């Protein structure tokens, strides 16, 4: 219908690049937030304003996968798609 916008279904970020997901299995993914790095200090739970919305510097996944191609088996086996 005119005047309605379609639901956002793209797996791309604002720059047109495909979004990536963490594997959830590697050592950095399993760490807890340090609470001391620049990104943690910005988080609301550590007293910041939450404006950067970035993960802890020590929690950066080394096995990022394209969000559209992530399958349960690929993540379990640590194999990029």
N, C-alpha and C. Protein backbone atom coordinates (compact mmCIF):
# COMPACT_ATOMS: atom_id res chain seq x y z
N UNK A 1 0.82 -1.19 0.00
CA UNK A 1 0.00 0.00 0.00
C UNK A 1 0.86 1.25 0.00
N UNK A 2 0.39 2.30 -0.64
CA UNK A 2 1.16 3.54 -0.67
C UNK A 2 1.34 4.12 0.73
N UNK A 3 2.51 4.72 0.95
CA UNK A 3 2.79 5.35 2.23
C UNK A 3 3.40 4.42 3.26
N UNK A 4 3.40 3.12 3.00
CA UNK A 4 4.01 2.18 3.95
C UNK A 4 5.38 1.78 3.44
N UNK A 5 6.32 1.71 4.35
CA UNK A 5 7.66 1.27 3.96
C UNK A 5 7.80 -0.20 4.29
N UNK A 6 8.52 -0.94 3.45
CA UNK A 6 8.69 -2.37 3.73
C UNK A 6 9.56 -2.58 4.96
N UNK A 7 9.38 -3.71 5.61
CA UNK A 7 10.18 -4.05 6.79
C UNK A 7 11.63 -4.18 6.38
N UNK A 8 12.53 -3.78 7.25
CA UNK A 8 13.96 -3.86 6.99
C UNK A 8 14.40 -5.31 7.09
N UNK A 9 14.85 -5.87 5.97
CA UNK A 9 15.27 -7.26 5.98
C UNK A 9 16.70 -7.44 5.51
N UNK A 10 17.42 -6.36 5.29
CA UNK A 10 18.77 -6.43 4.77
C UNK A 10 19.76 -6.89 5.85
N UNK A 11 20.79 -7.62 5.42
CA UNK A 11 21.87 -8.02 6.31
C UNK A 11 23.07 -7.12 6.10
N UNK A 12 22.82 -5.89 5.70
CA UNK A 12 23.92 -4.96 5.44
C UNK A 12 23.88 -3.82 6.45
N UNK A 13 25.05 -3.28 6.74
CA UNK A 13 25.12 -2.14 7.65
C UNK A 13 24.91 -0.85 6.88
N UNK A 14 25.08 0.28 7.54
CA UNK A 14 24.83 1.58 6.91
C UNK A 14 25.77 1.84 5.73
N UNK A 15 26.94 1.25 5.73
CA UNK A 15 27.90 1.46 4.66
C UNK A 15 27.70 0.47 3.51
N UNK A 16 26.72 -0.39 3.60
CA UNK A 16 26.45 -1.37 2.55
C UNK A 16 27.27 -2.64 2.67
N UNK A 17 28.03 -2.74 3.75
CA UNK A 17 28.82 -3.95 3.96
C UNK A 17 27.98 -4.99 4.70
N UNK A 18 28.21 -6.26 4.40
CA UNK A 18 27.44 -7.30 5.05
C UNK A 18 27.80 -7.40 6.52
N UNK A 19 26.80 -7.53 7.37
CA UNK A 19 27.04 -7.66 8.81
C UNK A 19 27.69 -8.99 9.10
N UNK A 20 28.44 -9.03 10.19
CA UNK A 20 29.12 -10.25 10.60
C UNK A 20 28.73 -10.60 12.02
N UNK A 21 28.75 -11.89 12.34
CA UNK A 21 28.39 -12.37 13.67
C UNK A 21 29.57 -13.06 14.32
N UNK A 22 29.58 -13.01 15.64
CA UNK A 22 30.61 -13.74 16.39
C UNK A 22 30.32 -15.23 16.36
N UNK A 23 31.38 -16.02 16.52
CA UNK A 23 31.20 -17.47 16.51
C UNK A 23 30.61 -17.96 17.83
N UNK A 24 30.95 -17.30 18.94
CA UNK A 24 30.44 -17.69 20.25
C UNK A 24 31.19 -18.86 20.87
N UNK A 25 32.26 -19.31 20.23
CA UNK A 25 33.00 -20.47 20.71
C UNK A 25 34.47 -20.19 21.01
N UNK A 26 35.05 -19.18 20.35
CA UNK A 26 36.48 -18.92 20.54
C UNK A 26 36.73 -18.27 21.91
N UNK A 27 37.98 -18.22 22.31
CA UNK A 27 38.35 -17.68 23.62
C UNK A 27 37.86 -16.24 23.84
N UNK A 28 38.08 -15.33 22.87
CA UNK A 28 37.57 -13.97 23.09
C UNK A 28 36.05 -13.91 23.24
N UNK A 29 35.32 -14.71 22.49
CA UNK A 29 33.85 -14.70 22.60
C UNK A 29 33.38 -15.14 23.99
N UNK A 30 34.12 -16.01 24.61
CA UNK A 30 33.71 -16.57 25.89
C UNK A 30 34.16 -15.72 27.09
N UNK A 31 34.96 -14.70 26.86
CA UNK A 31 35.42 -13.82 27.95
C UNK A 31 34.28 -12.93 28.44
N UNK A 32 34.44 -12.43 29.64
CA UNK A 32 33.49 -11.44 30.16
C UNK A 32 34.06 -10.05 29.88
N UNK A 33 33.21 -9.04 29.92
CA UNK A 33 33.67 -7.67 29.71
C UNK A 33 34.69 -7.30 30.78
N UNK A 34 35.77 -6.64 30.38
CA UNK A 34 36.82 -6.30 31.34
C UNK A 34 36.41 -5.15 32.25
N UNK A 35 35.59 -4.24 31.74
CA UNK A 35 35.15 -3.10 32.54
C UNK A 35 36.15 -1.97 32.61
N UNK A 36 37.29 -2.11 31.93
CA UNK A 36 38.34 -1.10 32.02
C UNK A 36 38.75 -0.50 30.69
N UNK A 37 38.50 -1.20 29.58
CA UNK A 37 38.92 -0.67 28.28
C UNK A 37 37.99 0.47 27.87
N UNK A 38 38.36 1.19 26.82
CA UNK A 38 37.60 2.35 26.36
C UNK A 38 36.15 1.99 26.03
N UNK A 39 35.94 0.83 25.41
CA UNK A 39 34.58 0.42 25.03
C UNK A 39 33.75 0.04 26.26
N UNK A 40 34.33 -0.64 27.22
CA UNK A 40 33.61 -1.02 28.44
C UNK A 40 33.24 0.20 29.27
N UNK A 41 34.15 1.14 29.39
CA UNK A 41 33.90 2.35 30.18
C UNK A 41 32.71 3.11 29.60
N UNK A 42 32.49 3.00 28.29
CA UNK A 42 31.38 3.69 27.64
C UNK A 42 30.04 2.98 27.87
N UNK A 43 30.05 1.71 28.25
CA UNK A 43 28.80 0.95 28.44
C UNK A 43 28.04 1.46 29.66
N UNK A 44 26.71 1.41 29.55
CA UNK A 44 25.86 1.90 30.65
C UNK A 44 26.10 1.14 31.94
N UNK A 45 26.35 -0.16 31.85
CA UNK A 45 26.52 -0.93 33.09
C UNK A 45 27.82 -0.61 33.82
N UNK A 46 28.73 0.07 33.12
CA UNK A 46 29.97 0.50 33.76
C UNK A 46 29.99 2.02 33.97
N UNK A 47 28.83 2.67 33.86
CA UNK A 47 28.72 4.09 34.16
C UNK A 47 28.83 5.02 32.97
N UNK A 48 28.96 4.48 31.75
CA UNK A 48 29.06 5.33 30.57
C UNK A 48 27.69 5.66 30.00
N UNK A 49 27.69 6.37 28.88
CA UNK A 49 26.41 6.74 28.28
C UNK A 49 25.94 5.74 27.24
N UNK A 50 26.75 4.76 26.87
CA UNK A 50 26.36 3.71 25.94
C UNK A 50 26.32 4.14 24.49
N UNK A 51 26.99 5.23 24.16
CA UNK A 51 26.89 5.76 22.81
C UNK A 51 27.70 4.99 21.77
N UNK A 52 28.78 4.32 22.15
CA UNK A 52 29.60 3.67 21.13
C UNK A 52 29.06 2.30 20.71
N UNK A 53 28.39 1.60 21.61
CA UNK A 53 27.76 0.31 21.30
C UNK A 53 28.74 -0.68 20.67
N UNK A 54 29.93 -0.76 21.22
CA UNK A 54 30.95 -1.67 20.72
C UNK A 54 31.27 -2.71 21.78
N UNK A 55 31.79 -3.85 21.34
CA UNK A 55 32.14 -4.90 22.29
C UNK A 55 33.45 -4.55 22.99
N UNK A 56 33.66 -5.20 24.11
CA UNK A 56 34.91 -5.06 24.86
C UNK A 56 36.08 -5.35 23.93
N UNK A 57 37.17 -4.61 24.09
CA UNK A 57 38.34 -4.82 23.22
C UNK A 57 38.91 -6.22 23.37
N UNK A 58 38.68 -6.86 24.50
CA UNK A 58 39.21 -8.20 24.73
C UNK A 58 38.21 -9.29 24.33
N UNK A 59 37.03 -8.89 23.85
CA UNK A 59 36.00 -9.85 23.43
C UNK A 59 35.81 -9.85 21.91
N UNK A 60 36.76 -9.35 21.17
CA UNK A 60 36.64 -9.29 19.72
C UNK A 60 36.89 -10.67 19.12
N UNK A 61 35.88 -11.21 18.45
CA UNK A 61 35.94 -12.55 17.88
C UNK A 61 36.98 -12.61 16.76
N UNK A 62 37.69 -13.72 16.70
CA UNK A 62 38.67 -13.92 15.64
C UNK A 62 38.08 -14.70 14.47
N UNK A 63 36.86 -15.21 14.62
CA UNK A 63 36.22 -16.02 13.59
C UNK A 63 34.86 -15.44 13.19
N UNK A 64 34.83 -14.20 12.75
CA UNK A 64 33.56 -13.58 12.37
C UNK A 64 33.00 -14.22 11.11
N UNK A 65 31.67 -14.40 11.08
CA UNK A 65 30.99 -15.01 9.95
C UNK A 65 30.00 -14.02 9.35
N UNK A 66 29.75 -14.10 8.04
CA UNK A 66 28.68 -13.28 7.46
C UNK A 66 27.35 -13.67 8.10
N UNK A 67 26.55 -12.69 8.49
CA UNK A 67 25.30 -12.97 9.21
C UNK A 67 24.35 -13.78 8.37
N UNK A 68 24.33 -13.59 7.05
CA UNK A 68 23.38 -14.29 6.21
C UNK A 68 23.79 -15.73 5.95
N UNK A 69 25.06 -16.06 6.14
CA UNK A 69 25.54 -17.39 5.81
C UNK A 69 25.84 -18.24 7.03
N UNK A 70 25.54 -17.75 8.21
CA UNK A 70 25.85 -18.51 9.42
C UNK A 70 24.89 -19.67 9.57
N UNK A 71 25.46 -20.84 9.67
CA UNK A 71 24.64 -22.01 9.96
C UNK A 71 25.11 -22.60 11.27
N UNK A 72 24.25 -23.31 11.92
CA UNK A 72 24.60 -23.89 13.22
C UNK A 72 25.80 -24.82 13.10
N UNK A 73 25.87 -25.60 12.03
CA UNK A 73 26.98 -26.53 11.89
C UNK A 73 28.30 -25.80 11.65
N UNK A 74 28.28 -24.70 10.88
CA UNK A 74 29.52 -23.96 10.61
C UNK A 74 30.05 -23.35 11.90
N UNK A 75 29.18 -22.83 12.73
CA UNK A 75 29.61 -22.22 13.99
C UNK A 75 30.15 -23.28 14.92
N UNK A 76 29.50 -24.41 14.99
CA UNK A 76 29.94 -25.48 15.90
C UNK A 76 31.31 -26.01 15.49
N UNK A 77 31.59 -26.03 14.18
CA UNK A 77 32.85 -26.58 13.70
C UNK A 77 33.94 -25.53 13.54
N UNK A 78 33.64 -24.26 13.84
CA UNK A 78 34.61 -23.17 13.69
C UNK A 78 35.10 -23.04 12.26
N UNK A 79 34.22 -23.23 11.29
CA UNK A 79 34.61 -23.09 9.90
C UNK A 79 33.87 -21.93 9.27
N UNK A 80 34.60 -20.90 8.81
CA UNK A 80 33.94 -19.78 8.15
C UNK A 80 33.21 -20.24 6.90
N UNK A 81 32.12 -19.58 6.64
CA UNK A 81 31.30 -19.95 5.48
C UNK A 81 31.71 -19.10 4.31
